[in-house]
N, C-alpha and C. Protein backbone atom coordinates (compact mmCIF):
# COMPACT_ATOMS: atom_id res chain seq x y z
N UNK A 1 11.43 30.57 -19.97
CA UNK A 1 11.01 30.23 -18.63
C UNK A 1 11.33 31.40 -17.71
N UNK A 2 10.39 31.80 -16.87
CA UNK A 2 10.65 32.90 -15.94
C UNK A 2 11.72 32.50 -14.92
N UNK A 3 12.55 33.44 -14.59
CA UNK A 3 13.55 33.18 -13.57
C UNK A 3 13.51 34.28 -12.53
N UNK A 4 13.88 33.94 -11.33
CA UNK A 4 13.98 34.89 -10.24
C UNK A 4 15.31 34.67 -9.57
N UNK A 5 15.79 35.70 -8.90
CA UNK A 5 17.05 35.57 -8.18
C UNK A 5 16.88 34.63 -6.99
N UNK A 6 17.81 33.73 -6.84
CA UNK A 6 17.84 32.83 -5.68
C UNK A 6 19.13 33.16 -4.94
N UNK A 7 18.99 33.51 -3.66
CA UNK A 7 20.17 33.90 -2.90
C UNK A 7 21.14 32.72 -2.77
N UNK A 8 22.37 33.06 -2.47
CA UNK A 8 23.45 32.07 -2.46
C UNK A 8 23.21 30.94 -1.46
N UNK A 9 22.75 31.28 -0.26
CA UNK A 9 22.52 30.24 0.75
C UNK A 9 21.44 29.26 0.31
N UNK A 10 20.37 29.77 -0.28
CA UNK A 10 19.30 28.90 -0.75
C UNK A 10 19.79 28.02 -1.89
N UNK A 11 20.57 28.60 -2.80
CA UNK A 11 21.08 27.80 -3.92
C UNK A 11 22.02 26.70 -3.43
N UNK A 12 22.82 26.98 -2.40
CA UNK A 12 23.69 25.95 -1.84
C UNK A 12 22.87 24.80 -1.27
N UNK A 13 21.75 25.13 -0.63
CA UNK A 13 20.87 24.08 -0.09
C UNK A 13 20.28 23.25 -1.22
N UNK A 14 19.91 23.90 -2.32
CA UNK A 14 19.38 23.18 -3.48
C UNK A 14 20.45 22.27 -4.07
N UNK A 15 21.68 22.76 -4.15
CA UNK A 15 22.77 21.93 -4.67
C UNK A 15 23.00 20.70 -3.79
N UNK A 16 22.89 20.87 -2.48
CA UNK A 16 23.04 19.72 -1.57
C UNK A 16 21.95 18.69 -1.83
N UNK A 17 20.73 19.15 -2.06
CA UNK A 17 19.63 18.23 -2.37
C UNK A 17 19.88 17.53 -3.70
N UNK A 18 20.46 18.27 -4.65
CA UNK A 18 20.75 17.67 -5.95
C UNK A 18 21.78 16.55 -5.80
N UNK A 19 22.79 16.77 -4.98
CA UNK A 19 23.80 15.73 -4.74
C UNK A 19 23.14 14.52 -4.11
N UNK A 20 22.26 14.73 -3.14
CA UNK A 20 21.54 13.62 -2.50
C UNK A 20 20.74 12.83 -3.54
N UNK A 21 20.09 13.55 -4.44
CA UNK A 21 19.27 12.90 -5.46
C UNK A 21 20.14 12.07 -6.41
N UNK A 22 21.28 12.60 -6.80
CA UNK A 22 22.18 11.88 -7.71
C UNK A 22 22.73 10.64 -7.01
N UNK A 23 23.13 10.77 -5.76
CA UNK A 23 23.65 9.62 -5.01
C UNK A 23 22.56 8.56 -4.85
N UNK A 24 21.35 8.99 -4.52
CA UNK A 24 20.26 8.03 -4.31
C UNK A 24 19.87 7.30 -5.58
N UNK A 25 19.87 8.01 -6.71
CA UNK A 25 19.43 7.40 -7.97
C UNK A 25 20.58 6.79 -8.75
N UNK A 26 21.80 7.20 -8.43
CA UNK A 26 22.98 6.77 -9.18
C UNK A 26 22.88 7.17 -10.66
N UNK A 27 22.19 8.30 -10.90
CA UNK A 27 22.03 8.84 -12.26
C UNK A 27 22.16 10.35 -12.21
N UNK A 28 22.66 10.94 -13.30
CA UNK A 28 22.72 12.41 -13.32
C UNK A 28 21.31 13.00 -13.36
N UNK A 29 21.13 14.07 -12.62
CA UNK A 29 19.84 14.76 -12.59
C UNK A 29 20.11 16.25 -12.77
N UNK A 30 19.35 16.89 -13.64
CA UNK A 30 19.54 18.31 -13.88
C UNK A 30 19.10 19.12 -12.67
N UNK A 31 19.85 20.19 -12.39
CA UNK A 31 19.50 21.04 -11.26
C UNK A 31 18.13 21.67 -11.42
N UNK A 32 17.74 21.97 -12.65
CA UNK A 32 16.42 22.56 -12.86
C UNK A 32 15.30 21.58 -12.52
N UNK A 33 15.54 20.29 -12.75
CA UNK A 33 14.54 19.27 -12.39
C UNK A 33 14.38 19.19 -10.87
N UNK A 34 15.51 19.17 -10.17
CA UNK A 34 15.48 19.12 -8.71
C UNK A 34 14.78 20.36 -8.16
N UNK A 35 15.13 21.52 -8.69
CA UNK A 35 14.50 22.76 -8.24
C UNK A 35 12.99 22.72 -8.47
N UNK A 36 12.57 22.26 -9.63
CA UNK A 36 11.13 22.16 -9.93
C UNK A 36 10.43 21.24 -8.94
N UNK A 37 11.02 20.09 -8.67
CA UNK A 37 10.40 19.14 -7.74
C UNK A 37 10.34 19.71 -6.33
N UNK A 38 11.40 20.39 -5.89
CA UNK A 38 11.39 21.01 -4.56
C UNK A 38 10.30 22.07 -4.45
N UNK A 39 10.12 22.84 -5.52
CA UNK A 39 9.06 23.85 -5.53
C UNK A 39 7.69 23.17 -5.49
N UNK A 40 7.50 22.14 -6.29
CA UNK A 40 6.21 21.42 -6.29
C UNK A 40 5.88 20.87 -4.91
N UNK A 41 6.86 20.26 -4.26
CA UNK A 41 6.64 19.71 -2.91
C UNK A 41 6.31 20.83 -1.94
N UNK A 42 7.04 21.92 -2.03
CA UNK A 42 6.77 23.06 -1.15
C UNK A 42 5.38 23.63 -1.35
N UNK A 43 4.96 23.74 -2.60
CA UNK A 43 3.63 24.27 -2.88
C UNK A 43 2.53 23.38 -2.33
N UNK A 44 2.76 22.08 -2.34
CA UNK A 44 1.77 21.14 -1.81
C UNK A 44 1.68 21.21 -0.29
N UNK A 45 2.76 21.66 0.35
CA UNK A 45 2.82 21.60 1.80
C UNK A 45 2.70 22.95 2.50
N UNK A 46 2.75 24.04 1.77
CA UNK A 46 2.64 25.36 2.40
C UNK A 46 1.21 25.58 2.88
N UNK A 47 1.07 26.27 4.01
CA UNK A 47 -0.25 26.51 4.58
C UNK A 47 -0.48 28.00 4.78
N UNK A 48 -1.71 28.34 5.08
CA UNK A 48 -2.04 29.73 5.37
C UNK A 48 -1.27 30.20 6.61
N UNK A 49 -1.05 29.29 7.55
CA UNK A 49 -0.28 29.61 8.75
C UNK A 49 1.13 30.04 8.36
N UNK A 50 1.72 29.37 7.37
CA UNK A 50 3.05 29.75 6.89
C UNK A 50 3.04 31.18 6.37
N UNK A 51 2.04 31.52 5.56
CA UNK A 51 1.96 32.87 4.99
C UNK A 51 1.88 33.91 6.10
N UNK A 52 1.07 33.62 7.11
CA UNK A 52 0.93 34.57 8.22
C UNK A 52 2.25 34.73 8.96
N UNK A 53 2.99 33.64 9.13
CA UNK A 53 4.29 33.70 9.79
C UNK A 53 5.27 34.54 8.97
N UNK A 54 5.24 34.37 7.66
CA UNK A 54 6.14 35.15 6.80
C UNK A 54 5.85 36.63 6.88
N UNK A 55 4.56 36.97 7.10
CA UNK A 55 4.15 38.37 7.14
C UNK A 55 4.55 39.10 8.41
N UNK A 56 5.08 38.38 9.37
CA UNK A 56 5.48 39.03 10.63
C UNK A 56 6.76 39.81 10.47
């Protein structure tokens, strides 16, 4: 599986989401699953306007 560097602040945010998911489901969830779902949601919601903003 391809991997890319994720900065520490972003990874901490992902870990917080993982804790929320575990508390909500009351079941263990792998961090890679949470990361995949967060990416999928982001991809569905990103817009061309976002890309233009990033390019500034």
